[in-house]
Amino acid sequence: MIHFDNSYARLPQGFFARVAPTPVAQPRLLALNDGLARRLGLDADWLTGPEGVAMLAGNAVPQGAEPIAQAYAGHQFGGFVPQLGDGRAVLLGEVVAPDGARFDIQLKGSGPTPFSRRGDGRAWVGPVLREYIVSEFMHAMGVPTTRALAAVATGETVWRESGLPGAVLTRVASSHIRVGTFQYFAVRGQEDALAALTDHVIARHYPTANGPLSLLDHVIARQAETIAHWMALGFIHGVMNTDNMAVSGETIDYGPCAFMDAYHPDTVFSSIDRGGRYAWAQQPQIAVWNLAQLATCLIPLMGERDAAIEAATKSVHSFAPIYQAAWRRRFGEKLGLTEAADVQPLAERLLTMMAQQRADFTRVFAGLADGRARDEFIDREAFDAWAVDWQAQNPDPELMRHANPVRIPRNHQIEEAIVAAVADDLGPFQRLFDAVIHPREARAEWDDLSHAPLAEQIVHQTFCGT
């Protein structure tokens, strides 16, 4: 049993549409995250049984759930769409964990909703397993993120370019409220709804905030920390639309996401990002752009307009120093240095050298602690010259080992796991998952998973699941 307490469903009707998930033909559990189940206070044995799998597939709505599809708008690649919403996801409800923390439980790929925009509302197994692996790796590295509780095969075919096996992801988040949620009401001039949403977010995520401007400041600070952590892992979200930015500060909507192999600041993987809007190096600037849209939504709640615009603008400008401090701290840890050390010039020199020589992002930083970083460079004398200045700062190997994963869920490994899963072999998925949720542990059994891809293994593009 799950004990629900559904605060979002108690907001006015315009915030969502009440809709039940669409049942599937033959639900079969692919994966269950036992650790997350315990975190939520849920019974893993029940979840793996017939009733639990029926719930995770969307075939049964448990007692106390109030399934809804949330309404939101959003800027997609800079173009505004006034109505988006959960087109293939249903929020079953909210649970309160044993420590009092509140979490959404959402089924992704659970069928059409009033926001589906002629889509089928389904997901296929590839994007489901990708999000499962990547989000749990991010959690293991301490990045604020949504998480994956379960993946269920549906026994149905999902049609994209071809017929693919369907699946449903059970996603867990502290909430699914987005910048686009605020935009949905702002574009409609619904100030009462904006005020209710603001109060809800403050109560749920930022209880020390004392009004809309204070809320904006809290969201900015949290997003700055999250984006800096992305950058330190070589993570590229791929589709940083305003409807994909959670006001909680959690990483949400792992679509065409990827981690860099060879480092270059302009790296893009998403097949739909043809102009490089969401390239690795662009992510901080895009975060500022998205947060400016949130600020614009909140201005009507801040009193006299000119003063509100001035205050909101000042808040948005505060992102840069917060982010820069977080960046220096994250990259300082990667170099084994404290904030007091001269981190930025050292880090930028190393990154420039990595870009010039196409050195592997993860392997270089992981190799700093064990002396193997030099091997990742073609011009090793150039690395040696940099290392003299770095070693003069007395780097701490333990700090480096904590900050730098020895392995990441590499794009080609994820693709290999998906191909095997489509052929009903979950072994590669399970092995990769087990390895990346222990990202700092060097184990012989997983040595091959820390290797950079061979030329023929390199993945150049990643794709959305819709």
Protein backbone atom coordinates (compact mmCIF):
# COMPACT_ATOMS: atom_id res chain seq x y z
CA MET A 1 0.00 0.00 0.00
CA ILE A 2 1.00 3.61 -0.61
CA HIS A 3 -0.25 6.40 1.62
CA PHE A 4 -0.88 9.46 -0.52
CA ASP A 5 -1.27 13.11 0.49
CA ASN A 6 -1.91 15.04 -2.71
CA SER A 7 -1.28 18.74 -2.14
CA TYR A 8 -1.01 19.71 -5.82
CA ALA A 9 -4.34 18.05 -6.61
CA ARG A 10 -5.91 20.34 -4.00
CA LEU A 11 -5.01 23.41 -6.05
CA PRO A 12 -7.70 24.90 -8.34
CA GLN A 13 -8.89 22.82 -11.28
CA GLY A 14 -7.08 24.94 -13.87
CA PHE A 15 -3.72 23.66 -12.65
CA PHE A 16 -4.29 20.19 -14.10
CA ALA A 17 -6.64 17.78 -15.80
CA ARG A 18 -7.88 14.75 -13.93
CA VAL A 19 -7.02 11.73 -16.04
CA ALA A 20 -6.23 8.11 -15.28
CA PRO A 21 -3.34 6.24 -16.89
CA THR A 22 -4.28 4.02 -19.81
CA PRO A 23 -3.91 0.28 -19.04
CA VAL A 24 -1.38 -1.76 -21.00
CA ALA A 25 -1.60 -5.26 -22.45
CA GLN A 26 1.02 -7.29 -20.60
CA PRO A 27 2.88 -5.43 -17.83
CA ARG A 28 6.22 -6.92 -16.85
CA LEU A 29 8.65 -5.46 -14.34
CA LEU A 30 12.01 -4.65 -15.91
CA ALA A 31 13.67 -2.96 -12.95
CA LEU A 32 12.82 -1.80 -9.44
CA ASN A 33 14.96 0.60 -7.45
CA ASP A 34 14.92 -1.03 -4.03
CA GLY A 35 16.97 1.75 -2.43
CA LEU A 36 14.57 4.45 -3.57
CA ALA A 37 11.60 2.35 -2.47
CA ARG A 38 13.07 2.25 1.03
CA ARG A 39 13.72 6.00 0.91
CA LEU A 40 10.03 6.55 0.20
CA GLY A 41 8.91 4.11 2.88
CA LEU A 42 7.42 1.75 0.30
CA ASP A 43 7.33 -2.04 0.45
CA ALA A 44 9.56 -3.38 -2.34
CA ASP A 45 8.00 -6.83 -2.06
CA TRP A 46 4.55 -5.36 -2.67
CA LEU A 47 5.85 -3.31 -5.61
CA THR A 48 7.25 -6.43 -7.28
CA GLY A 49 4.02 -8.36 -6.75
CA PRO A 50 1.00 -8.35 -9.07
CA GLU A 51 -0.71 -5.36 -7.42
CA GLY A 52 2.47 -3.30 -7.39
CA VAL A 53 3.36 -4.02 -11.00
CA ALA A 54 -0.22 -3.22 -12.05
CA MET A 55 0.15 0.18 -10.38
CA LEU A 56 3.60 0.84 -11.90
CA ALA A 57 2.22 0.00 -15.36
CA GLY A 58 -0.85 2.20 -14.98
CA ASN A 59 -3.26 -0.75 -14.98
CA ALA A 60 -4.50 -0.06 -11.47
CA VAL A 61 -4.93 3.21 -9.59
CA PRO A 62 -4.13 2.62 -5.92
CA GLN A 63 -6.38 3.80 -3.14
CA GLY A 64 -5.67 7.41 -2.20
CA ALA A 65 -4.11 8.35 -5.55
CA GLU A 66 -5.61 11.26 -7.49
CA PRO A 67 -4.14 10.91 -10.99
CA ILE A 68 -3.67 14.19 -12.84
CA ALA A 69 -1.82 15.62 -15.82
CA GLN A 70 -0.24 18.95 -14.95
CA ALA A 71 -0.72 22.05 -17.10
CA TYR A 72 2.22 24.21 -18.13
CA ALA A 73 3.53 26.31 -20.99
CA GLY A 74 7.10 26.86 -22.11
CA HIS A 75 9.73 28.30 -24.38
CA GLN A 76 10.97 25.51 -26.63
CA PHE A 77 14.27 26.45 -28.29
CA GLY A 78 13.33 30.07 -27.65
CA GLY A 79 9.85 29.91 -29.16
CA PHE A 80 6.92 30.27 -26.75
CA VAL A 81 4.15 27.67 -26.67
CA PRO A 82 1.26 28.79 -24.41
CA GLN A 83 -0.01 25.29 -23.69
CA LEU A 84 2.11 22.18 -23.28
CA GLY A 85 1.41 20.12 -20.17
CA ASP A 86 1.94 16.45 -19.34
CA GLY A 87 1.32 14.86 -22.69
CA ARG A 88 2.52 11.37 -21.77
CA ALA A 89 2.71 11.41 -17.99
CA VAL A 90 0.27 11.09 -15.13
CA LEU A 91 1.05 12.20 -11.60
CA LEU A 92 -0.45 9.50 -9.39
CA GLY A 93 -0.02 11.52 -6.22
CA GLU A 94 2.38 12.51 -3.47
CA VAL A 95 3.88 10.46 -0.68
CA VAL A 96 5.50 11.67 2.51
CA ALA A 97 8.66 9.71 3.29
CA PRO A 98 9.52 8.51 6.81
CA ASP A 99 11.70 11.61 7.32
CA GLY A 100 8.85 13.94 6.34
CA ALA A 101 10.08 14.76 2.82
CA ARG A 102 7.36 14.96 0.17
CA PHE A 103 7.70 13.31 -3.24
CA ASP A 104 5.65 13.06 -6.42
CA ILE A 105 5.11 9.64 -7.95
CA GLN A 106 4.58 9.99 -11.68
CA LEU A 107 4.06 7.45 -14.46
CA LYS A 108 5.85 8.52 -17.66
CA GLY A 109 4.63 6.88 -20.86
CA SER A 110 1.26 6.09 -19.33
CA GLY A 111 -0.96 7.05 -22.26
CA PRO A 112 -2.62 10.13 -23.74
CA THR A 113 -3.87 13.08 -21.71
CA PRO A 114 -5.71 16.28 -22.67
CA PHE A 115 -2.24 17.78 -23.24
CA SER A 116 -0.96 15.11 -25.64
CA ARG A 117 -1.23 17.29 -28.77
CA ARG A 118 -2.13 14.30 -30.95
CA GLY A 119 0.68 12.20 -29.48
CA ASP A 120 0.21 8.62 -28.34
CA GLY A 121 1.25 9.36 -24.76
CA ARG A 122 3.54 6.36 -24.73
CA ALA A 123 7.25 5.76 -24.26
CA TRP A 124 9.45 3.04 -25.64
CA VAL A 125 11.97 1.08 -23.64
CA GLY A 126 15.05 3.03 -24.85
CA PRO A 127 14.31 6.44 -23.32
CA VAL A 128 12.91 4.77 -20.20
CA LEU A 129 16.12 2.86 -19.53
CA ARG A 130 18.27 5.88 -20.45
CA GLU A 131 16.49 8.06 -17.89
CA TYR A 132 16.61 5.28 -15.31
CA ILE A 133 20.39 4.90 -15.63
CA VAL A 134 21.34 8.56 -16.02
CA SER A 135 19.12 9.96 -13.28
CA GLU A 136 20.34 7.39 -10.77
CA PHE A 137 23.97 8.11 -11.68
CA MET A 138 23.30 11.80 -11.13
CA HIS A 139 21.80 11.02 -7.75
CA ALA A 140 24.83 8.91 -6.83
CA MET A 141 27.06 11.91 -7.63
CA GLY A 142 24.96 14.22 -5.46
CA VAL A 143 23.29 16.17 -8.27
CA PRO A 144 19.74 17.34 -7.47
CA THR A 145 17.59 15.22 -9.74
CA THR A 146 14.38 13.38 -10.33
CA ARG A 147 14.83 9.67 -9.76
CA ALA A 148 13.66 6.37 -11.22
CA LEU A 149 11.64 4.00 -9.05
CA ALA A 150 10.72 1.41 -11.66
CA ALA A 151 10.63 0.49 -15.33
CA VAL A 152 7.83 -1.71 -16.65
CA ALA A 153 7.45 -3.25 -20.10
CA THR A 154 3.95 -2.85 -21.50
CA GLY A 155 3.77 -5.77 -23.93
CA GLU A 156 2.70 -3.27 -26.59
CA THR A 157 4.40 -1.77 -29.62
CA VAL A 158 5.15 1.94 -29.75
CA TRP A 159 5.54 3.40 -33.22
CA ARG A 160 8.26 5.96 -33.88
CA GLU A 161 10.38 5.50 -37.01
CA SER A 162 9.60 1.82 -36.54
CA GLY A 163 7.81 -0.43 -34.09
CA LEU A 164 9.51 -0.50 -30.67
CA PRO A 165 8.70 -2.21 -27.36
CA GLY A 166 6.72 0.03 -25.02
CA ALA A 167 7.59 0.82 -21.42
CA VAL A 168 6.52 3.00 -18.50
CA LEU A 169 8.92 4.80 -16.16
CA THR A 170 7.90 5.53 -12.58
CA ARG A 171 9.57 8.85 -11.85
CA VAL A 172 10.00 10.36 -8.40
CA ALA A 173 10.58 14.07 -7.78
CA SER A 174 10.23 16.55 -4.96
CA SER A 175 7.74 18.10 -7.40
CA HIS A 176 7.19 18.45 -11.13
CA ILE A 177 6.56 22.21 -11.02
CA ARG A 178 8.43 24.01 -13.78
CA VAL A 179 9.24 27.53 -14.92
CA GLY A 180 6.68 26.74 -17.60
CA THR A 181 4.04 26.18 -14.93
CA PHE A 182 4.35 29.83 -13.94
CA GLN A 183 4.35 30.85 -17.60
CA TYR A 184 1.07 29.00 -18.16
CA PHE A 185 -0.78 31.32 -15.79
CA ALA A 186 1.24 34.47 -16.50
CA VAL A 187 0.46 34.43 -20.23
CA ARG A 188 -3.22 34.14 -19.35
CA GLY A 189 -3.09 37.03 -16.89
CA GLN A 190 -4.33 34.76 -14.09
CA GLU A 191 -2.72 36.53 -11.14
CA ASP A 192 -4.80 34.67 -8.56
CA ALA A 193 -3.51 31.36 -9.92
CA LEU A 194 0.05 32.75 -10.01
CA ALA A 195 -0.26 33.78 -6.38
CA ALA A 196 -1.62 30.35 -5.40
CA LEU A 197 1.21 28.63 -7.28
CA THR A 198 3.78 30.89 -5.65
CA ASP A 199 2.41 30.13 -2.19
CA HIS A 200 2.41 26.41 -2.96
CA VAL A 201 6.04 26.40 -4.15
CA ILE A 202 7.18 28.42 -1.14
CA ALA A 203 5.44 26.06 1.28
CA ARG A 204 6.71 22.97 -0.51
CA HIS A 205 10.28 23.90 -1.42
CA TYR A 206 11.38 27.18 0.14
CA PRO A 207 9.65 27.72 3.50
CA THR A 208 12.11 30.46 4.45
CA ALA A 209 11.13 32.57 1.41
CA ASN A 210 8.93 35.54 2.23
CA GLY A 211 7.22 36.39 -1.03
CA PRO A 212 7.65 36.16 -4.81
CA LEU A 213 10.94 38.06 -5.00
CA SER A 214 12.43 35.96 -2.23
CA LEU A 215 11.19 32.83 -4.02
CA LEU A 216 12.93 33.98 -7.20
CA ASP A 217 16.18 34.45 -5.29
CA HIS A 218 15.92 30.94 -3.82
CA VAL A 219 15.25 29.33 -7.22
CA ILE A 220 18.14 31.22 -8.81
CA ALA A 221 20.58 30.12 -6.11
CA ARG A 222 19.54 26.49 -6.35
CA GLN A 223 19.66 26.40 -10.14
CA ALA A 224 23.12 27.99 -10.14
CA GLU A 225 24.39 25.17 -7.93
CA THR A 226 22.74 22.50 -10.07
CA ILE A 227 24.10 23.82 -13.37
CA ALA A 228 27.62 24.08 -11.92
CA HIS A 229 27.37 20.42 -10.92
CA TRP A 230 26.27 19.48 -14.45
CA MET A 231 29.26 21.27 -15.87
CA ALA A 232 31.65 19.52 -13.51
CA LEU A 233 30.44 16.13 -14.77
CA GLY A 234 30.49 16.97 -18.47
CA PHE A 235 26.71 16.55 -18.56
CA ILE A 236 24.66 18.02 -21.39
CA HIS A 237 20.92 18.18 -20.74
CA GLY A 238 20.12 18.59 -24.41
CA VAL A 239 16.75 20.33 -24.17
CA MET A 240 16.82 23.13 -21.57
CA ASN A 241 13.41 24.53 -22.46
CA THR A 242 11.59 26.45 -19.72
CA ASP A 243 9.14 23.58 -19.39
CA ASN A 244 12.14 21.35 -18.58
CA MET A 245 13.48 23.49 -15.73
CA ALA A 246 12.09 22.50 -12.33
CA VAL A 247 11.73 25.28 -9.75
CA SER A 248 12.90 22.80 -7.11
CA GLY A 249 16.37 22.92 -8.66
CA GLU A 250 16.22 19.25 -9.60
CA THR A 251 17.40 18.02 -12.99
CA ILE A 252 14.28 16.94 -14.85
CA ASP A 253 13.32 15.47 -18.22
CA TYR A 254 16.25 13.36 -19.36
CA GLY A 255 15.50 13.26 -23.06
CA PRO A 256 18.43 13.61 -25.49
CA CYS A 257 20.86 14.03 -22.60
CA ALA A 258 24.45 12.82 -22.75
CA PHE A 259 27.88 13.00 -21.13
CA MET A 260 30.90 14.15 -23.08
CA ASP A 261 33.61 11.70 -23.99
CA ALA A 262 36.27 13.86 -25.66
CA TYR A 263 36.05 17.35 -24.23
CA HIS A 264 35.00 20.37 -26.22
CA PRO A 265 32.92 23.26 -24.85
CA ASP A 266 30.67 23.37 -27.92
CA THR A 267 29.65 19.71 -27.66
CA VAL A 268 26.03 18.98 -28.62
CA PHE A 269 24.37 15.57 -28.88
CA SER A 270 20.65 16.30 -29.18
CA SER A 271 19.36 15.57 -32.66
CA ILE A 272 16.89 18.46 -32.40
CA ASP A 273 19.45 21.06 -31.25
CA ARG A 274 20.72 21.95 -34.70
CA GLY A 275 21.97 25.39 -33.71
CA GLY A 276 23.80 24.39 -30.56
CA ARG A 277 21.53 26.43 -28.31
CA TYR A 278 21.94 23.90 -25.48
CA ALA A 279 25.61 22.99 -25.96
CA TRP A 280 27.66 22.21 -22.83
CA ALA A 281 29.16 25.70 -22.55
CA GLN A 282 25.81 27.38 -23.22
CA GLN A 283 24.00 25.83 -20.26
CA PRO A 284 24.73 28.59 -17.68
CA GLN A 285 23.58 31.31 -20.08
CA ILE A 286 20.44 29.38 -20.95
CA ALA A 287 19.71 28.94 -17.24
CA VAL A 288 19.85 32.73 -16.85
CA TRP A 289 17.52 33.12 -19.83
CA ASN A 290 15.05 30.65 -18.34
CA LEU A 291 15.20 32.30 -14.93
CA ALA A 292 14.50 35.67 -16.54
CA GLN A 293 11.27 34.15 -17.86
CA LEU A 294 10.37 33.08 -14.32
CA ALA A 295 11.15 36.59 -13.07
CA THR A 296 8.84 38.05 -15.72
CA CYS A 297 6.02 35.81 -14.49
CA LEU A 298 6.48 36.91 -10.87
CA ILE A 299 6.69 40.67 -11.49
CA PRO A 300 2.88 41.19 -11.32
CA LEU A 301 2.96 39.81 -7.76
CA MET A 302 5.76 42.14 -6.59
CA GLY A 303 3.92 45.43 -6.24
CA GLU A 304 4.68 48.65 -8.14
CA ARG A 305 5.81 47.60 -11.62
CA ASP A 306 8.94 49.70 -12.16
CA ALA A 307 10.31 48.81 -8.74
CA ALA A 308 9.41 45.16 -9.30
CA ILE A 309 11.23 45.07 -12.65
CA GLU A 310 14.32 46.63 -11.08
CA ALA A 311 14.30 44.17 -8.18
CA ALA A 312 13.68 41.13 -10.41
CA THR A 313 16.44 42.20 -12.81
CA LYS A 314 18.88 42.52 -9.91
CA SER A 315 17.92 39.03 -8.77
CA VAL A 316 18.47 37.50 -12.20
CA HIS A 317 21.89 39.18 -12.38
CA SER A 318 22.79 37.49 -9.09
CA PHE A 319 22.96 34.13 -10.90
CA ALA A 320 26.41 34.86 -12.35
CA PRO A 321 28.37 35.33 -9.10
CA ILE A 322 26.56 32.43 -7.40
CA TYR A 323 27.26 30.17 -10.38
CA GLN A 324 30.87 31.27 -10.68
CA ALA A 325 31.50 30.53 -7.01
CA ALA A 326 29.85 27.12 -7.39
CA TRP A 327 31.91 26.45 -10.55
CA ARG A 328 35.16 27.31 -8.78
CA ARG A 329 34.22 25.08 -5.86
CA ARG A 330 33.24 22.13 -8.09
CA PHE A 331 36.27 22.34 -10.35
CA GLY A 332 38.47 23.04 -7.35
CA GLU A 333 37.33 19.76 -5.84
CA LYS A 334 38.00 18.03 -9.16
CA LEU A 335 41.56 19.34 -8.97
CA GLY A 336 41.85 18.47 -5.29
CA LEU A 337 42.05 22.13 -4.31
CA THR A 338 40.15 24.26 -1.85
CA GLU A 339 38.31 27.44 -2.75
CA ALA A 340 41.25 29.41 -1.35
CA ALA A 341 43.52 28.05 -4.07
CA ASP A 342 43.89 29.73 -7.46
CA VAL A 343 41.43 27.34 -9.05
CA GLN A 344 40.00 29.11 -12.07
CA PRO A 345 43.20 29.78 -14.07
CA LEU A 346 44.43 26.23 -13.46
CA ALA A 347 41.09 24.68 -14.42
CA GLU A 348 40.70 26.83 -17.52
CA ARG A 349 44.25 26.04 -18.70
CA LEU A 350 43.55 22.33 -18.29
CA LEU A 351 40.22 22.53 -20.11
CA THR A 352 41.77 24.48 -22.98
CA MET A 353 44.48 21.84 -23.34
CA MET A 354 41.85 19.08 -23.19
CA ALA A 355 39.81 20.75 -25.94
CA GLN A 356 42.87 21.17 -28.16
CA GLN A 357 43.85 17.52 -27.77
CA ARG A 358 40.34 16.02 -27.56
CA ALA A 359 41.18 14.44 -24.22
CA ASP A 360 38.48 12.44 -22.46
CA PHE A 361 36.71 14.61 -19.88
CA THR A 362 36.01 11.94 -17.27
CA ARG A 363 39.26 10.02 -17.63
CA VAL A 364 41.44 13.11 -17.33
CA PHE A 365 39.90 14.22 -14.05
CA ALA A 366 39.67 10.70 -12.64
CA GLY A 367 43.32 10.20 -13.61
CA LEU A 368 44.57 13.19 -11.65
CA ALA A 369 44.36 11.27 -8.37
CA ASP A 370 46.08 8.10 -9.58
CA GLY A 371 48.69 9.59 -11.91
CA ARG A 372 47.09 8.41 -15.15
CA ALA A 373 45.78 11.72 -16.46
CA ARG A 374 48.97 12.29 -18.46
CA ASP A 375 48.18 9.25 -20.61
CA GLU A 376 45.04 10.94 -21.94
CA PHE A 377 47.04 13.60 -23.79
CA ILE A 378 48.90 13.45 -27.09
CA ASP A 379 51.25 16.27 -26.09
CA ARG A 380 52.30 14.99 -22.70
CA GLU A 381 54.95 17.64 -22.25
CA ALA A 382 52.22 20.28 -22.30
CA PHE A 383 50.38 18.39 -19.58
CA ASP A 384 53.59 18.09 -17.58
CA ALA A 385 54.08 21.86 -17.69
CA TRP A 386 50.56 22.40 -16.39
CA ALA A 387 51.00 19.71 -13.73
CA VAL A 388 54.02 21.50 -12.22
CA ASP A 389 51.83 24.50 -11.37
CA TRP A 390 48.99 22.26 -10.20
CA GLN A 391 51.17 20.13 -7.92
CA ALA A 392 52.56 23.30 -6.37
CA GLN A 393 49.09 23.83 -4.87
CA ASN A 394 49.33 20.52 -2.93
CA PRO A 395 46.18 18.86 -4.29
CA ASP A 396 44.29 16.48 -2.04
CA PRO A 397 43.83 13.04 -3.68
CA GLU A 398 40.84 12.14 -1.51
CA LEU A 399 39.03 15.32 -2.50
CA MET A 400 39.62 14.40 -6.14
CA ARG A 401 38.42 10.84 -5.69
CA HIS A 402 35.16 12.08 -4.20
CA ALA A 403 34.54 14.70 -6.91
CA ASN A 404 35.56 12.68 -9.96
CA PRO A 405 33.70 9.53 -11.00
CA VAL A 406 35.85 6.74 -12.39
CA ARG A 407 32.98 5.89 -14.72
CA ILE A 408 29.93 7.58 -16.16
CA PRO A 409 27.02 6.17 -18.15
CA ARG A 410 28.66 6.69 -21.53
CA ASN A 411 26.49 7.14 -24.56
CA HIS A 412 27.66 4.02 -26.37
CA GLN A 413 27.21 1.89 -23.25
CA ILE A 414 23.65 3.13 -22.81
CA GLU A 415 22.94 2.39 -26.46
CA GLU A 416 24.38 -1.11 -26.13
CA ALA A 417 22.21 -1.73 -23.06
CA ILE A 418 19.12 -0.52 -24.93
CA VAL A 419 19.81 -2.70 -27.97
CA ALA A 420 20.18 -5.72 -25.70
CA ALA A 421 17.00 -4.85 -23.78
CA VAL A 422 15.03 -4.63 -27.03
CA ALA A 423 16.20 -8.21 -27.63
CA ASP A 424 14.95 -9.15 -24.12
CA ASP A 425 18.42 -9.22 -22.57
CA LEU A 426 18.52 -6.95 -19.51
CA GLY A 427 21.97 -8.14 -18.44
CA PRO A 428 23.92 -5.19 -19.95
CA PHE A 429 21.42 -2.70 -18.50
CA GLN A 430 21.66 -4.20 -15.02
CA ARG A 431 25.46 -4.35 -15.15
CA LEU A 432 25.77 -0.75 -16.31
CA PHE A 433 23.25 0.41 -13.71
CA ASP A 434 25.07 -1.40 -10.88
CA ALA A 435 28.36 0.16 -11.98
CA VAL A 436 27.24 3.76 -12.38
CA ILE A 437 25.43 3.94 -9.04
CA HIS A 438 28.85 3.26 -7.52
CA PRO A 439 30.63 5.86 -9.65
CA ARG A 440 33.65 6.43 -7.41
CA GLU A 441 34.53 2.77 -6.81
CA ALA A 442 37.34 1.33 -8.91
CA ARG A 443 36.49 -2.36 -9.33
CA ALA A 444 38.21 -4.77 -11.70
CA GLU A 445 34.87 -6.26 -12.75
CA TRP A 446 33.85 -2.86 -14.16
CA ASP A 447 37.18 -1.72 -15.61
CA ASP A 448 35.92 -1.92 -19.19
CA LEU A 449 33.09 0.50 -18.36
CA SER A 450 35.59 3.26 -17.61
CA HIS A 451 37.11 3.10 -21.09
CA ALA A 452 36.53 5.83 -23.64
CA PRO A 453 34.69 4.64 -26.77
CA LEU A 454 36.56 3.36 -29.77
CA ALA A 455 36.09 5.37 -32.95
CA GLU A 456 33.40 2.98 -34.19
CA GLN A 457 31.56 3.17 -30.84
CA ILE A 458 31.22 6.94 -30.64
CA VAL A 459 27.61 8.15 -30.41
CA HIS A 460 27.19 11.46 -32.22
CA GLN A 461 23.48 12.06 -31.60
CA THR A 462 20.91 11.34 -28.92
CA PHE A 463 17.16 11.52 -29.37
CA CYS A 464 13.98 12.48 -27.55
CA GLY A 465 11.58 9.65 -26.76
CA THR A 466 8.55 11.30 -28.34
